[in-house]
Amino acid sequence: MFKFYRGLGTAGTITRMPVSKSKRKRYIPPPKPKPKPSPKWVPILMVTMLGIGVLDLVLYYLTLLPGGSPLWGLLSGFALIAGGFFTGIFWR
């Protein structure tokens, strides 16, 4: 419990060991503030883009989309779905 050592400059005197200062509580930073909730249009835009992207892909595979190049129907569907996922990143 107590550690004893020979004091400096004294011949044969035993004194108490000083208490270590490292046993203090460590600094705890204040908690981070909560982020603001996202605007109402973010989840609406996300669901709309996902829905239109899926509908575009379904119409593409059913060959009901008008257009010259068949690749644009596929690319636009995947682009809308990717945009919906990207918008979902910002939803809190």
N, C-alpha and C. Protein backbone atom coordinates (compact mmCIF):
# COMPACT_ATOMS: atom_id res chain seq x y z
N MET A 1 0.82 -1.17 0.00
CA MET A 1 0.00 0.00 0.00
C MET A 1 0.88 1.25 0.00
N PHE A 2 1.75 1.40 0.94
CA PHE A 2 2.69 2.52 0.99
C PHE A 2 4.04 2.02 0.53
N LYS A 3 4.68 2.80 -0.28
CA LYS A 3 6.03 2.47 -0.70
C LYS A 3 6.97 3.43 0.03
N PHE A 4 7.99 2.90 0.58
CA PHE A 4 8.95 3.72 1.31
C PHE A 4 10.27 3.75 0.57
N TYR A 5 10.95 4.87 0.67
CA TYR A 5 12.27 4.98 0.07
C TYR A 5 13.12 5.90 0.94
N ARG A 6 14.36 5.82 0.73
CA ARG A 6 15.26 6.68 1.51
C ARG A 6 15.20 8.09 0.95
N GLY A 7 14.96 9.05 1.79
CA GLY A 7 14.85 10.45 1.39
C GLY A 7 16.17 11.00 0.91
N LEU A 8 16.11 11.99 0.07
CA LEU A 8 17.32 12.59 -0.47
C LEU A 8 17.98 13.49 0.58
N GLY A 9 19.24 13.40 0.72
CA GLY A 9 19.98 14.27 1.62
C GLY A 9 19.90 13.88 3.08
N THR A 10 19.19 12.84 3.39
CA THR A 10 19.10 12.41 4.78
C THR A 10 19.70 11.02 4.89
N ALA A 11 20.40 10.79 5.89
CA ALA A 11 21.07 9.51 6.07
C ALA A 11 20.17 8.57 6.86
N GLY A 12 19.63 7.57 6.19
CA GLY A 12 18.87 6.55 6.87
C GLY A 12 17.44 6.94 7.22
N THR A 13 16.93 8.08 6.79
CA THR A 13 15.55 8.48 7.08
C THR A 13 14.63 7.86 6.03
N ILE A 14 13.53 7.30 6.49
CA ILE A 14 12.56 6.68 5.59
C ILE A 14 11.35 7.61 5.49
N THR A 15 10.95 7.96 4.28
CA THR A 15 9.79 8.84 4.07
C THR A 15 8.81 8.15 3.13
N ARG A 16 7.58 8.71 3.05
CA ARG A 16 6.55 8.13 2.18
C ARG A 16 6.80 8.51 0.73
N MET A 17 6.44 7.60 -0.15
CA MET A 17 6.56 7.85 -1.59
C MET A 17 5.46 8.83 -2.00
N PRO A 18 5.77 9.85 -2.79
CA PRO A 18 4.72 10.79 -3.21
C PRO A 18 3.72 10.12 -4.15
N VAL A 19 2.46 10.62 -4.14
CA VAL A 19 1.39 10.06 -4.96
C VAL A 19 1.61 10.47 -6.41
N SER A 20 1.45 9.55 -7.30
CA SER A 20 1.64 9.82 -8.72
C SER A 20 0.54 10.73 -9.24
N LYS A 21 0.90 11.67 -10.09
CA LYS A 21 -0.07 12.58 -10.67
C LYS A 21 -0.72 12.00 -11.91
N SER A 22 -0.27 10.85 -12.36
CA SER A 22 -0.83 10.26 -13.57
C SER A 22 -2.16 9.56 -13.32
N LYS A 23 -2.61 9.48 -12.09
CA LYS A 23 -3.86 8.79 -11.78
C LYS A 23 -5.07 9.71 -11.91
N ARG A 24 -4.86 10.93 -12.39
CA ARG A 24 -5.98 11.86 -12.58
C ARG A 24 -6.88 11.37 -13.69
N LYS A 25 -8.11 11.90 -13.70
CA LYS A 25 -9.04 11.54 -14.77
C LYS A 25 -8.56 12.15 -16.07
N ARG A 26 -8.76 11.42 -17.12
CA ARG A 26 -8.36 11.90 -18.44
C ARG A 26 -9.40 12.88 -18.97
N TYR A 27 -8.99 13.74 -19.90
CA TYR A 27 -9.88 14.72 -20.50
C TYR A 27 -10.89 14.03 -21.40
N ILE A 28 -12.14 14.35 -21.22
CA ILE A 28 -13.21 13.82 -22.06
C ILE A 28 -13.78 14.99 -22.84
N PRO A 29 -13.67 14.96 -24.16
CA PRO A 29 -14.18 16.09 -24.96
C PRO A 29 -15.70 16.13 -24.90
N PRO A 30 -16.29 17.30 -25.12
CA PRO A 30 -17.75 17.40 -25.12
C PRO A 30 -18.34 16.59 -26.26
N PRO A 31 -19.56 16.10 -26.11
CA PRO A 31 -20.17 15.29 -27.18
C PRO A 31 -20.40 16.12 -28.44
N LYS A 32 -20.31 15.46 -29.57
CA LYS A 32 -20.53 16.13 -30.85
C LYS A 32 -22.01 16.47 -30.99
N PRO A 33 -22.33 17.61 -31.58
CA PRO A 33 -23.73 17.95 -31.77
C PRO A 33 -24.38 17.04 -32.80
N LYS A 34 -25.67 16.77 -32.62
CA LYS A 34 -26.38 15.90 -33.55
C LYS A 34 -26.58 16.63 -34.88
N PRO A 35 -26.48 15.89 -35.98
CA PRO A 35 -26.68 16.55 -37.29
C PRO A 35 -28.14 16.96 -37.47
N LYS A 36 -28.34 17.99 -38.27
CA LYS A 36 -29.69 18.47 -38.54
C LYS A 36 -30.44 17.44 -39.37
N PRO A 37 -31.74 17.31 -39.17
CA PRO A 37 -32.49 16.37 -40.01
C PRO A 37 -32.54 16.89 -41.45
N SER A 38 -32.64 15.97 -42.38
CA SER A 38 -32.65 16.34 -43.79
C SER A 38 -33.99 16.98 -44.16
N PRO A 39 -34.01 17.77 -45.22
CA PRO A 39 -35.28 18.37 -45.67
C PRO A 39 -36.25 17.29 -46.14
N LYS A 40 -37.51 17.66 -46.21
CA LYS A 40 -38.55 16.68 -46.57
C LYS A 40 -38.43 16.19 -48.01
N TRP A 41 -37.79 16.98 -48.88
CA TRP A 41 -37.73 16.60 -50.28
C TRP A 41 -36.70 15.50 -50.54
N VAL A 42 -35.79 15.25 -49.62
CA VAL A 42 -34.74 14.25 -49.87
C VAL A 42 -35.32 12.83 -49.96
N PRO A 43 -36.12 12.36 -48.99
CA PRO A 43 -36.66 11.00 -49.16
C PRO A 43 -37.67 10.91 -50.30
N ILE A 44 -38.39 12.01 -50.57
CA ILE A 44 -39.35 11.99 -51.68
C ILE A 44 -38.60 11.84 -53.00
N LEU A 45 -37.52 12.60 -53.17
CA LEU A 45 -36.72 12.50 -54.39
C LEU A 45 -36.08 11.12 -54.52
N MET A 46 -35.61 10.56 -53.39
CA MET A 46 -34.98 9.24 -53.43
C MET A 46 -35.96 8.18 -53.90
N VAL A 47 -37.13 8.14 -53.30
CA VAL A 47 -38.12 7.12 -53.66
C VAL A 47 -38.60 7.32 -55.10
N THR A 48 -38.76 8.58 -55.51
CA THR A 48 -39.19 8.86 -56.88
C THR A 48 -38.15 8.39 -57.90
N MET A 49 -36.90 8.69 -57.65
CA MET A 49 -35.85 8.27 -58.59
C MET A 49 -35.73 6.75 -58.64
N LEU A 50 -35.81 6.10 -57.48
CA LEU A 50 -35.75 4.63 -57.48
C LEU A 50 -36.94 4.04 -58.24
N GLY A 51 -38.13 4.58 -57.99
CA GLY A 51 -39.33 4.06 -58.65
C GLY A 51 -39.31 4.26 -60.15
N ILE A 52 -38.92 5.46 -60.59
CA ILE A 52 -38.87 5.71 -62.02
C ILE A 52 -37.77 4.87 -62.68
N GLY A 53 -36.64 4.67 -61.96
CA GLY A 53 -35.58 3.83 -62.50
C GLY A 53 -36.01 2.38 -62.68
N VAL A 54 -36.71 1.85 -61.70
CA VAL A 54 -37.21 0.47 -61.81
C VAL A 54 -38.26 0.37 -62.92
N LEU A 55 -39.15 1.36 -62.98
CA LEU A 55 -40.16 1.37 -64.04
C LEU A 55 -39.50 1.46 -65.42
N ASP A 56 -38.46 2.26 -65.53
CA ASP A 56 -37.75 2.38 -66.80
C ASP A 56 -37.12 1.05 -67.20
N LEU A 57 -36.51 0.35 -66.23
CA LEU A 57 -35.91 -0.95 -66.56
C LEU A 57 -36.97 -1.98 -66.94
N VAL A 58 -38.09 -1.97 -66.26
CA VAL A 58 -39.17 -2.92 -66.59
C VAL A 58 -39.69 -2.64 -67.99
N LEU A 59 -39.91 -1.35 -68.30
CA LEU A 59 -40.39 -1.01 -69.65
C LEU A 59 -39.34 -1.33 -70.71
N TYR A 60 -38.06 -1.20 -70.36
CA TYR A 60 -36.99 -1.54 -71.29
C TYR A 60 -37.01 -3.04 -71.61
N TYR A 61 -37.14 -3.86 -70.59
CA TYR A 61 -37.12 -5.31 -70.82
C TYR A 61 -38.40 -5.81 -71.47
N LEU A 62 -39.48 -5.04 -71.32
CA LEU A 62 -40.72 -5.40 -72.03
C LEU A 62 -40.76 -4.77 -73.42
N THR A 63 -39.72 -4.08 -73.80
CA THR A 63 -39.57 -3.37 -75.09
C THR A 63 -40.75 -2.44 -75.35
N LEU A 64 -41.15 -1.69 -74.36
CA LEU A 64 -42.24 -0.73 -74.51
C LEU A 64 -41.74 0.72 -74.56
N LEU A 65 -40.44 0.93 -74.45
CA LEU A 65 -39.89 2.29 -74.46
C LEU A 65 -39.66 2.74 -75.90
N PRO A 66 -40.11 3.96 -76.23
CA PRO A 66 -39.77 4.50 -77.55
C PRO A 66 -38.34 5.02 -77.55
N GLY A 67 -37.73 5.10 -78.67
CA GLY A 67 -36.38 5.63 -78.76
C GLY A 67 -35.58 4.90 -79.82
N GLY A 68 -34.51 5.57 -80.25
CA GLY A 68 -33.70 4.98 -81.31
C GLY A 68 -32.78 3.90 -80.80
N SER A 69 -31.99 4.22 -79.77
CA SER A 69 -31.00 3.27 -79.29
C SER A 69 -31.56 2.49 -78.10
N PRO A 70 -31.50 1.18 -78.14
CA PRO A 70 -32.03 0.41 -77.01
C PRO A 70 -31.15 0.52 -75.76
N LEU A 71 -29.91 0.94 -75.93
CA LEU A 71 -29.01 1.04 -74.79
C LEU A 71 -29.39 2.20 -73.86
N TRP A 72 -30.00 3.27 -74.40
CA TRP A 72 -30.35 4.43 -73.58
C TRP A 72 -31.40 4.09 -72.53
N GLY A 73 -32.31 3.19 -72.85
CA GLY A 73 -33.32 2.79 -71.88
C GLY A 73 -32.69 2.07 -70.69
N LEU A 74 -31.73 1.24 -70.97
CA LEU A 74 -31.03 0.52 -69.90
C LEU A 74 -30.17 1.46 -69.07
N LEU A 75 -29.42 2.34 -69.73
CA LEU A 75 -28.54 3.26 -69.02
C LEU A 75 -29.32 4.27 -68.18
N SER A 76 -30.43 4.76 -68.72
CA SER A 76 -31.22 5.74 -67.96
C SER A 76 -31.85 5.10 -66.73
N GLY A 77 -32.27 3.85 -66.84
CA GLY A 77 -32.83 3.17 -65.68
C GLY A 77 -31.81 2.98 -64.57
N PHE A 78 -30.62 2.52 -64.95
CA PHE A 78 -29.58 2.33 -63.94
C PHE A 78 -29.09 3.67 -63.38
N ALA A 79 -29.06 4.71 -64.22
CA ALA A 79 -28.65 6.03 -63.74
C ALA A 79 -29.65 6.59 -62.73
N LEU A 80 -30.93 6.38 -62.98
CA LEU A 80 -31.95 6.85 -62.02
C LEU A 80 -31.86 6.07 -60.70
N ILE A 81 -31.63 4.79 -60.78
CA ILE A 81 -31.50 3.99 -59.55
C ILE A 81 -30.25 4.41 -58.79
N ALA A 82 -29.15 4.62 -59.49
CA ALA A 82 -27.92 5.08 -58.83
C ALA A 82 -28.13 6.46 -58.22
N GLY A 83 -28.84 7.34 -58.90
CA GLY A 83 -29.15 8.66 -58.34
C GLY A 83 -30.03 8.56 -57.10
N GLY A 84 -30.94 7.60 -57.08
CA GLY A 84 -31.77 7.38 -55.89
C GLY A 84 -30.94 6.90 -54.71
N PHE A 85 -30.01 6.00 -54.96
CA PHE A 85 -29.13 5.55 -53.87
C PHE A 85 -28.22 6.67 -53.39
N PHE A 86 -27.71 7.48 -54.33
CA PHE A 86 -26.85 8.60 -53.96
C PHE A 86 -27.62 9.62 -53.13
N THR A 87 -28.87 9.87 -53.48
CA THR A 87 -29.70 10.79 -52.70
C THR A 87 -29.98 10.21 -51.31
N GLY A 88 -30.11 8.91 -51.22
CA GLY A 88 -30.35 8.27 -49.93
C GLY A 88 -29.21 8.39 -48.96
N ILE A 89 -28.00 8.66 -49.45
CA ILE A 89 -26.85 8.85 -48.56
C ILE A 89 -27.07 10.05 -47.65
N PHE A 90 -27.73 11.08 -48.18
CA PHE A 90 -27.90 12.33 -47.45
C PHE A 90 -29.15 12.36 -46.58
N TRP A 91 -29.89 11.29 -46.52
CA TRP A 91 -31.14 11.25 -45.74
C TRP A 91 -30.80 10.91 -44.30
N ARG A 92 -31.24 11.75 -43.38
CA ARG A 92 -31.02 11.51 -41.94
C ARG A 92 -32.33 11.42 -41.24
